[in-house]
Amino acid sequence: MNKRQLILAISDKVEIPYKQVACITNTALNVISETLSNGEDVNIRSFGRFSTKTIAERRIQHPTTKKEVVIPVHRKIQFKQSKRN
């Protein structure tokens, strides 16, 4: 399911126009993205937890050129699904 299909499904279930659901969905996703960019976690009860993890700098060998490449420090988004009873 992609974002458009999600919006259509929500729109059909709650009988709200597509444009309104799209606006709400985009706003929610933007808030989640901004929160993660600030280094904070997002915990949605009964759904899951979005968090970021800092990945240390590392050196690898490029498979084609065999040159050493440095991958700088970066953050990675993680998602852990909540446990459902």
Protein backbone atom coordinates (compact mmCIF):
# COMPACT_ATOMS: atom_id res chain seq x y z
CA MET A 1 0.00 0.00 0.00
CA ASN A 2 1.34 3.40 -0.92
CA LYS A 3 0.38 6.82 0.45
CA ARG A 4 -2.34 7.43 -2.13
CA GLN A 5 -3.95 4.06 -1.41
CA LEU A 6 -3.80 4.77 2.33
CA ILE A 7 -5.52 8.12 1.86
CA LEU A 8 -8.21 6.54 -0.33
CA ALA A 9 -8.83 3.79 2.24
CA ILE A 10 -9.15 6.29 5.09
CA SER A 11 -11.38 8.53 2.99
CA ASP A 12 -13.71 5.61 2.22
CA LYS A 13 -13.87 4.41 5.85
CA VAL A 14 -14.59 7.74 7.50
CA GLU A 15 -16.50 9.26 4.57
CA ILE A 16 -14.42 12.43 4.46
CA PRO A 17 -13.36 13.94 1.10
CA TYR A 18 -10.03 12.78 -0.30
CA LYS A 19 -8.50 16.29 -0.22
CA GLN A 20 -9.18 16.73 3.50
CA VAL A 21 -7.77 13.30 4.36
CA ALA A 22 -4.72 14.02 2.15
CA CYS A 23 -4.11 17.31 3.98
CA ILE A 24 -4.37 15.65 7.41
CA THR A 25 -2.17 12.70 6.37
CA ASN A 26 0.51 14.96 4.86
CA THR A 27 0.51 17.14 7.96
CA ALA A 28 0.86 14.12 10.26
CA LEU A 29 3.74 12.72 8.20
CA ASN A 30 5.46 16.13 8.15
CA VAL A 31 5.19 16.41 11.95
CA ILE A 32 6.66 12.91 12.36
CA SER A 33 9.49 13.78 9.95
CA GLU A 34 10.28 17.08 11.70
CA THR A 35 10.26 15.41 15.11
CA LEU A 36 12.68 12.71 13.93
CA SER A 37 14.90 15.39 12.34
CA ASN A 38 15.16 17.03 15.76
CA GLY A 39 16.42 13.75 17.22
CA GLU A 40 13.24 12.97 19.15
CA ASP A 41 11.31 9.70 19.08
CA VAL A 42 7.69 9.34 17.97
CA ASN A 43 5.67 6.74 19.86
CA ILE A 44 2.18 5.94 18.59
CA ARG A 45 0.41 3.69 21.06
CA SER A 46 -0.85 0.36 19.61
CA PHE A 47 1.06 1.06 16.39
CA GLY A 48 4.76 1.45 16.97
CA ARG A 49 7.75 3.64 17.67
CA PHE A 50 9.84 5.67 15.24
CA SER A 51 13.32 6.54 16.41
CA THR A 52 16.68 7.56 14.99
CA LYS A 53 20.02 5.87 15.43
CA THR A 54 23.38 7.51 14.81
CA ILE A 55 25.63 5.44 12.57
CA ALA A 56 29.36 5.97 13.11
CA GLU A 57 31.75 6.86 10.31
CA ARG A 58 33.18 3.83 8.56
CA ARG A 59 35.49 2.98 5.71
CA ILE A 60 34.54 0.52 3.00
CA GLN A 61 36.03 -0.69 -0.23
CA HIS A 62 34.05 0.23 -3.33
CA PRO A 63 33.19 -3.11 -4.99
CA THR A 64 33.89 -1.97 -8.55
CA THR A 65 36.82 0.43 -8.26
CA LYS A 66 38.39 -1.18 -5.16
CA LYS A 67 39.04 2.33 -3.80
CA GLU A 68 38.52 3.04 -0.13
CA VAL A 69 35.42 5.15 0.51
CA VAL A 70 34.51 6.91 3.76
CA ILE A 71 30.85 6.85 4.76
CA PRO A 72 30.34 9.81 7.10
CA VAL A 73 28.40 9.83 10.36
CA HIS A 74 24.67 9.80 9.63
CA ARG A 75 21.34 9.07 11.25
CA LYS A 76 19.08 6.20 10.34
CA ILE A 77 15.34 5.94 11.01
CA GLN A 78 14.15 2.82 12.80
CA PHE A 79 10.62 1.56 13.34
CA LYS A 80 9.60 -0.97 15.94
CA GLN A 81 6.09 -2.34 15.75
CA SER A 82 4.19 -2.42 19.03
CA LYS A 83 3.26 -5.73 20.58
CA ARG A 84 -0.41 -6.55 20.22
CA ASN A 85 -2.08 -8.84 22.71
